[in-house]
Protein backbone atom coordinates (compact mmCIF):
# COMPACT_ATOMS: atom_id res chain seq x y z
CA MET A 1 81.92 97.11 73.67
CA GLN A 2 85.13 97.87 75.58
CA THR A 3 85.11 100.13 78.59
CA TYR A 4 87.27 103.23 78.74
CA ASP A 5 89.84 101.43 80.90
CA GLU A 6 89.92 98.31 78.70
CA GLU A 7 90.72 100.42 75.64
CA ARG A 8 93.73 101.79 77.49
CA GLY A 9 94.86 98.31 78.54
CA HIS A 10 93.40 98.25 82.06
CA PRO A 11 90.76 95.48 82.47
CA HIS A 12 89.04 96.95 85.57
CA GLY A 13 85.99 99.19 85.47
CA HIS A 14 86.00 102.89 86.19
CA GLN A 15 84.19 102.29 89.51
CA GLU A 16 86.76 99.77 90.68
CA LEU A 17 89.97 100.70 92.51
CA CYS A 18 92.72 98.33 91.43
CA LYS A 19 95.69 97.25 93.54
CA ASP A 20 98.05 99.68 91.82
CA GLY A 21 95.51 102.48 92.30
CA ALA A 22 95.14 101.72 96.00
CA ARG A 23 98.92 101.71 96.48
CA LEU A 24 99.44 104.97 94.60
CA TYR A 25 96.53 106.72 96.36
CA ALA A 26 97.96 105.77 99.76
CA SER A 27 101.36 107.09 98.67
CA ALA A 28 99.81 110.37 97.51
CA LEU A 29 98.02 110.80 100.83
CA ARG A 30 101.29 110.32 102.73
CA THR A 31 103.38 112.68 100.60
CA GLY A 32 100.67 115.17 99.65
CA ARG A 33 101.09 114.74 95.89
CA ILE A 34 102.12 112.27 93.17
CA ALA A 35 103.64 112.61 89.72
CA ARG A 36 101.16 112.42 86.86
CA SER A 37 103.40 109.94 85.06
CA GLU A 38 103.05 107.43 87.92
CA VAL A 39 99.28 107.15 87.69
CA ARG A 40 99.14 106.15 84.04
CA GLN A 41 99.07 102.51 85.12
CA ALA A 42 96.01 103.20 87.30
CA PRO A 43 93.50 105.45 85.45
CA CYS A 44 90.86 104.50 88.04
CA LEU A 45 92.42 107.14 90.32
CA ILE A 46 91.27 109.87 87.95
CA ASP A 47 87.94 108.19 87.12
CA LEU A 48 87.07 107.89 90.80
CA ALA A 49 88.17 111.50 91.41
CA LEU A 50 90.73 110.41 93.99
CA LEU A 51 93.27 112.81 92.48
CA HIS A 52 92.99 116.29 91.01
CA PRO A 53 95.55 118.47 89.13
CA ASP A 54 98.07 120.41 91.20
CA PRO A 55 97.27 124.10 90.49
CA ASP A 56 100.97 124.99 90.94
CA ASP A 57 102.47 122.29 88.70
CA ALA A 58 100.72 120.50 85.81
CA ASP A 59 103.06 117.50 86.12
CA TRP A 60 101.75 116.65 89.58
CA LEU A 61 98.43 115.53 91.08
CA ARG A 62 97.13 116.07 94.58
CA PRO A 63 94.99 113.53 96.52
CA VAL A 64 91.39 114.33 97.41
CA PRO A 65 90.61 113.54 101.08
CA PRO A 66 89.05 110.06 101.38
CA THR A 67 86.08 111.40 103.36
CA ALA A 68 85.16 113.68 100.49
CA VAL A 69 85.57 110.88 97.93
CA LEU A 70 83.53 108.44 100.01
CA ALA A 71 80.70 110.94 100.43
CA GLN A 72 80.63 111.53 96.68
CA LEU A 73 80.57 107.79 95.90
CA LEU A 74 77.91 107.02 98.51
CA LEU A 75 75.55 109.74 97.32
CA PRO A 76 74.04 107.80 94.38
CA LEU A 77 73.69 104.69 96.54
CA GLU A 78 71.83 106.61 99.23
CA GLN A 79 69.57 108.12 96.58
CA GLU A 80 68.82 104.64 95.22
CA ILE A 81 68.03 103.35 98.72
CA GLN A 82 65.66 106.23 99.33
CA GLU A 83 63.94 105.54 96.00
CA ARG A 84 63.55 101.84 96.90
CA ARG A 85 62.05 102.78 100.26
CA ARG A 86 59.60 105.10 98.53
CA GLN A 87 58.55 102.27 96.19
CA ALA A 88 58.15 99.89 99.15
CA VAL A 89 55.87 102.37 100.93
CA GLU A 90 53.76 102.81 97.78
CA LEU A 91 53.42 99.02 97.34
CA SER A 92 52.43 98.57 100.98
CA SER A 93 49.82 101.31 100.65
CA SER A 94 48.36 99.81 97.46
CA PHE A 95 48.00 96.36 99.08
CA GLU A 96 46.59 97.62 102.39
CA PRO A 97 42.92 97.37 101.28
CA PHE A 98 43.45 93.76 100.19
CA MET A 99 45.11 92.88 103.50
CA GLU A 100 42.04 94.20 105.35
CA ILE A 101 39.75 92.03 103.22
CA SER A 102 41.93 88.98 103.83
CA ALA A 103 41.88 89.58 107.59
CA GLN A 104 38.08 89.78 107.67
CA ASP A 105 37.23 86.77 105.50
CA PRO A 106 38.30 83.17 106.23
CA PRO A 107 41.11 81.91 103.98
CA THR A 108 40.06 80.15 100.80
CA THR A 109 40.82 76.42 100.69
CA HIS A 110 42.29 75.34 97.39
CA ALA A 111 40.49 72.33 95.93
CA ILE A 112 43.68 71.13 94.20
CA THR A 113 47.20 72.05 95.28
CA VAL A 114 50.25 70.96 93.27
CA LEU A 115 53.12 69.86 95.52
CA GLU A 116 56.49 69.69 93.78
CA GLY A 117 59.51 68.05 95.37
CA TYR A 118 59.66 65.24 97.93
CA SER A 119 60.35 67.57 100.87
CA ARG A 120 57.26 69.69 100.19
CA ILE A 121 55.09 66.62 99.65
CA ASP A 122 56.36 65.05 102.86
CA ALA A 123 55.83 68.25 104.86
CA SER A 124 52.24 68.63 103.67
CA LEU A 125 51.49 64.96 104.33
CA SER A 126 53.02 65.18 107.82
CA ARG A 127 50.87 68.19 108.73
CA ALA A 128 47.67 66.58 107.47
CA THR A 129 48.42 63.24 109.15
CA ALA A 130 49.23 64.92 112.46
CA SER A 131 45.72 66.42 112.53
CA CYS A 132 43.98 63.15 111.58
CA SER A 133 41.30 62.32 114.17
CA GLN A 134 39.12 59.56 112.71
CA GLU A 135 40.43 57.53 109.81
CA LEU A 136 43.51 57.07 107.62
CA LEU A 137 43.18 55.15 104.35
CA THR A 138 46.23 54.28 102.30
CA LEU A 139 46.63 52.39 99.07
CA GLN A 140 50.19 51.22 98.42
CA PRO A 141 50.80 49.45 95.10
CA GLY A 142 53.94 47.46 94.45
CA GLY A 143 55.77 44.91 96.55
CA GLY A 144 57.44 45.22 99.94
CA ARG A 145 58.77 48.49 101.32
CA SER A 146 62.29 49.35 102.40
CA PRO A 147 63.02 49.52 106.16
CA ASP A 148 63.54 53.30 105.93
CA ILE A 149 60.16 53.91 104.30
CA LEU A 150 58.40 51.64 106.76
CA SER A 151 60.15 53.36 109.67
CA GLN A 152 58.90 56.75 108.47
CA ALA A 153 55.40 55.36 108.00
CA LEU A 154 55.43 53.88 111.51
CA ALA A 155 56.47 57.23 113.01
CA ARG A 156 53.39 58.80 111.41
CA VAL A 157 50.95 55.99 112.18
CA ARG A 158 51.77 55.12 115.78
CA PRO A 159 50.49 58.43 117.28
CA LEU A 160 47.25 57.97 115.33
CA LEU A 161 46.74 54.48 116.70
CA ASP A 162 47.44 55.71 120.22
CA ARG A 163 44.53 58.14 119.99
CA GLY A 164 42.13 55.64 118.43
CA VAL A 165 42.31 56.53 114.75
CA ARG A 166 41.33 53.67 112.45
CA VAL A 167 44.11 52.92 109.96
CA ARG A 168 43.46 50.77 106.90
CA THR A 169 46.11 49.97 104.30
CA LEU A 170 45.89 48.06 101.02
CA TYR A 171 48.96 46.36 99.57
CA GLN A 172 49.37 43.97 96.68
CA HIS A 173 49.63 40.22 97.28
CA THR A 174 53.38 40.33 96.64
CA ALA A 175 53.84 42.38 99.83
CA ARG A 176 52.81 39.31 101.85
CA HIS A 177 56.28 37.92 101.29
CA SER A 178 57.95 41.00 102.75
CA GLN A 179 59.41 40.52 106.23
CA GLY A 180 59.42 44.30 106.57
CA ILE A 181 55.63 44.46 106.24
CA GLN A 182 55.21 41.80 108.92
CA ALA A 183 57.60 43.64 111.25
CA TYR A 184 55.82 46.91 110.53
CA LEU A 185 52.49 45.40 111.56
CA GLU A 186 53.97 43.92 114.75
CA GLN A 187 55.63 47.21 115.78
CA ALA A 188 52.41 49.13 115.20
CA GLY A 189 50.87 47.04 117.96
CA PRO A 190 47.50 45.30 118.25
CA GLY A 191 44.27 47.05 117.36
CA GLY A 192 43.58 49.86 114.95
CA MET A 193 45.88 48.76 112.14
CA GLU A 194 44.20 46.75 109.37
CA ILE A 195 46.03 45.47 106.29
CA ARG A 196 44.57 43.69 103.30
CA THR A 197 46.06 42.71 99.97
CA LEU A 198 44.91 42.51 96.37
CA GLU A 199 46.49 41.14 93.25
CA GLN A 200 46.34 44.45 91.39
CA LEU A 201 45.91 48.03 92.55
CA ILE A 202 45.81 51.49 91.04
CA ASP A 203 48.49 54.03 91.92
CA ARG A 204 49.28 55.32 95.41
CA LEU A 205 46.45 56.98 97.33
CA ILE A 206 46.23 58.48 100.84
CA ILE A 207 42.97 59.77 102.35
CA ILE A 208 42.84 61.52 105.73
CA ASP A 209 39.52 61.83 107.59
CA ARG A 210 37.83 61.83 104.18
CA LYS A 211 38.67 65.53 103.99
CA VAL A 212 41.98 65.55 102.11
CA ALA A 213 43.54 63.08 99.68
CA TYR A 214 46.98 62.76 98.11
CA ILE A 215 47.71 61.19 94.72
CA PRO A 216 50.88 61.20 92.59
CA ALA A 217 50.97 63.45 89.53
CA GLU A 218 54.16 62.04 87.97
CA ASP A 219 55.60 58.54 87.65
CA ASP A 220 58.75 59.54 89.57
CA ARG A 221 56.55 60.71 92.49
CA GLN A 222 58.30 64.08 92.64
CA ILE A 223 54.98 65.86 92.04
CA ALA A 224 51.80 65.12 93.99
CA LEU A 225 48.32 66.58 94.16
CA GLU A 226 46.70 67.57 97.45
CA LEU A 227 42.94 67.27 96.94
CA ARG A 228 40.43 68.98 99.24
CA HIS A 229 37.36 69.16 97.03
CA PRO A 230 34.65 67.19 98.91
CA GLY A 231 33.38 65.53 95.75
CA LEU A 232 36.83 64.36 94.66
CA VAL A 233 37.74 63.06 98.10
CA ALA A 234 34.41 61.22 98.44
CA TYR A 235 34.89 59.60 95.03
CA LEU A 236 38.39 58.41 95.89
CA ALA A 237 37.15 57.07 99.23
CA SER A 238 34.49 55.03 97.40
CA VAL A 239 37.20 53.63 95.10
CA PHE A 240 39.21 52.61 98.15
CA GLU A 241 36.17 50.89 99.69
CA GLN A 242 35.59 48.88 96.52
CA PHE A 243 39.18 47.66 96.57
CA TRP A 244 38.96 47.00 100.32
CA ASN A 245 35.86 44.82 99.97
CA ARG A 246 37.58 42.67 97.33
CA ALA A 247 40.86 42.38 99.25
CA VAL A 248 42.05 39.54 101.49
CA PRO A 249 43.06 40.27 105.12
CA LEU A 250 46.78 39.80 105.68
CA GLY A 251 46.23 36.97 108.17
CA GLU A 252 44.13 34.89 105.75
CA HIS A 253 45.35 32.66 102.93
CA ILE A 254 44.87 33.84 99.35
CA PRO A 255 42.51 31.56 97.39
CA LEU A 256 44.39 29.66 94.69
CA ASP A 257 41.65 30.55 92.20
CA ARG A 258 42.80 28.23 89.41
CA THR A 259 40.87 27.79 86.19
CA PRO A 260 40.13 24.33 84.82
CA GLU A 261 43.13 24.83 82.53
CA GLY A 262 45.38 25.30 85.59
CA VAL A 263 45.86 29.05 85.09
CA THR A 264 46.29 30.87 88.42
CA GLY A 265 44.71 34.17 89.33
CA VAL A 266 48.04 35.96 88.93
CA GLN A 267 48.52 34.46 85.48
CA ARG A 268 45.00 35.44 84.52
CA SER A 269 45.74 39.04 85.54
CA ILE A 270 48.91 38.93 83.47
CA ALA A 271 46.93 37.51 80.54
CA GLN A 272 44.48 40.40 80.78
CA LEU A 273 47.30 42.94 80.72
CA LEU A 274 49.01 41.17 77.82
CA VAL A 275 45.82 41.35 75.78
CA GLU A 276 45.58 45.06 76.61
CA GLY A 277 49.04 45.57 75.13
CA TYR A 278 51.20 46.11 78.21
CA VAL A 279 54.89 45.16 78.04
CA ASP A 280 56.57 42.97 80.67
CA GLU A 281 57.97 45.89 82.70
CA ALA A 282 54.59 47.63 82.89
CA ILE A 283 52.81 44.41 83.86
CA ALA A 284 55.34 43.75 86.64
CA ARG A 285 54.93 47.28 87.96
CA ARG A 286 51.13 47.07 88.01
CA LEU A 287 51.17 43.71 89.79
CA GLY A 288 53.88 44.66 92.26
CA MET A 289 56.43 42.04 91.23
CA ASN A 290 59.85 42.10 89.63
CA VAL A 291 60.22 41.59 85.89
CA ARG A 292 61.87 38.17 86.25
CA THR A 293 58.91 36.81 88.25
CA CYS A 294 56.50 38.31 85.74
CA ARG A 295 58.28 36.66 82.81
CA GLY A 296 58.25 33.36 84.70
CA HIS A 297 54.45 33.54 84.94
CA ILE A 298 54.23 34.44 81.24
CA ALA A 299 56.34 31.39 80.40
CA LYS A 300 54.06 29.12 82.46
CA LEU A 301 51.01 30.67 80.85
CA SER A 302 52.50 30.06 77.40
CA ALA A 303 53.23 26.44 78.28
CA THR A 304 49.70 25.89 79.64
CA LEU A 305 48.08 27.31 76.51
CA GLY A 306 50.60 25.76 74.11
CA SER A 307 51.89 29.05 72.74
CA GLY A 308 55.10 29.27 70.75
CA SER A 309 55.33 33.07 70.48
CA ARG A 310 54.11 36.24 72.13
CA ALA A 311 51.79 37.02 69.19
CA GLN A 312 50.30 33.51 69.34
CA LEU A 313 49.92 33.80 73.12
CA GLY A 314 47.60 36.79 72.76
CA TYR A 315 45.46 34.87 70.28
CA LEU A 316 45.31 31.76 72.48
CA ILE A 317 44.39 33.82 75.56
CA ALA A 318 41.44 35.33 73.74
CA ARG A 319 40.42 31.94 72.33
CA SER A 320 40.75 30.05 75.63
CA GLY A 321 38.06 32.06 77.38
CA ILE A 322 40.05 32.29 80.64
CA LEU A 323 39.36 36.02 80.81
CA ASP A 324 35.62 35.41 80.62
CA GLN A 325 35.58 33.36 83.83
CA ASP A 326 34.60 34.92 87.15
CA HIS A 327 37.48 35.71 89.46
């Protein structure tokens, strides 16, 4: 629907003083009056009550003093402000009993808190890590880390090591080839920092003093869960310990673990994932290697078992019995 001014060809609202209106109002204030014919191009002057009819001559208009106009225009705004203040006082009064209860009782700790956005996740993790006094457990799937990520991790870990906190981290075997990981371990200094590796890990996990744990909630890691339920944290800590007991310290050599058929441990893990229906990209991600390396292992596995196709490879893996052998 058009406004009154738009219907008359003026696209500004009745509460808006246009440039022409401002110029004509100033002229009327200087001269004491203005011809009615001049203000046709600025109807906002009449709508805002800046001009009123000249009682002596109908063809002329006289300006209303700006102080009077301003007071009239400010009146509804002041009334609205007073009404908002009244509502604010009522809200404060209604919440006062709850504030008293909150002040008396200790704050409730949320068992599960959803953290959305990297900055919020990082802030929460920084606060929890800063208060760590006994033990930090981290599980980091995938290959090596970028220098920036390792630098941030070192900034968090070094103060913990300085005050005697035990820090244990699990990586995948592929991280052993990362110069950044080696440099990270050297910069952390001797004592306190322990690193082991496994062929395959679950997703990222951080446990602080066995009181709070962090796990990702989305694949893009933009949403994480902060867990403070004692049962959940204890369960995750037991999962970490199982992985830790099976892992190989970073300074020790990884057993070759070849089957009689010549299939390596890595290839056996790939075979297991192939049988479970995972595609190459998913297998590479779970084992912390790039897709090209993964496909190279699949090709060697196919050659060892004499497979000519992916479908035949699955059949030969099941038939060979390599997945039934102890790791």
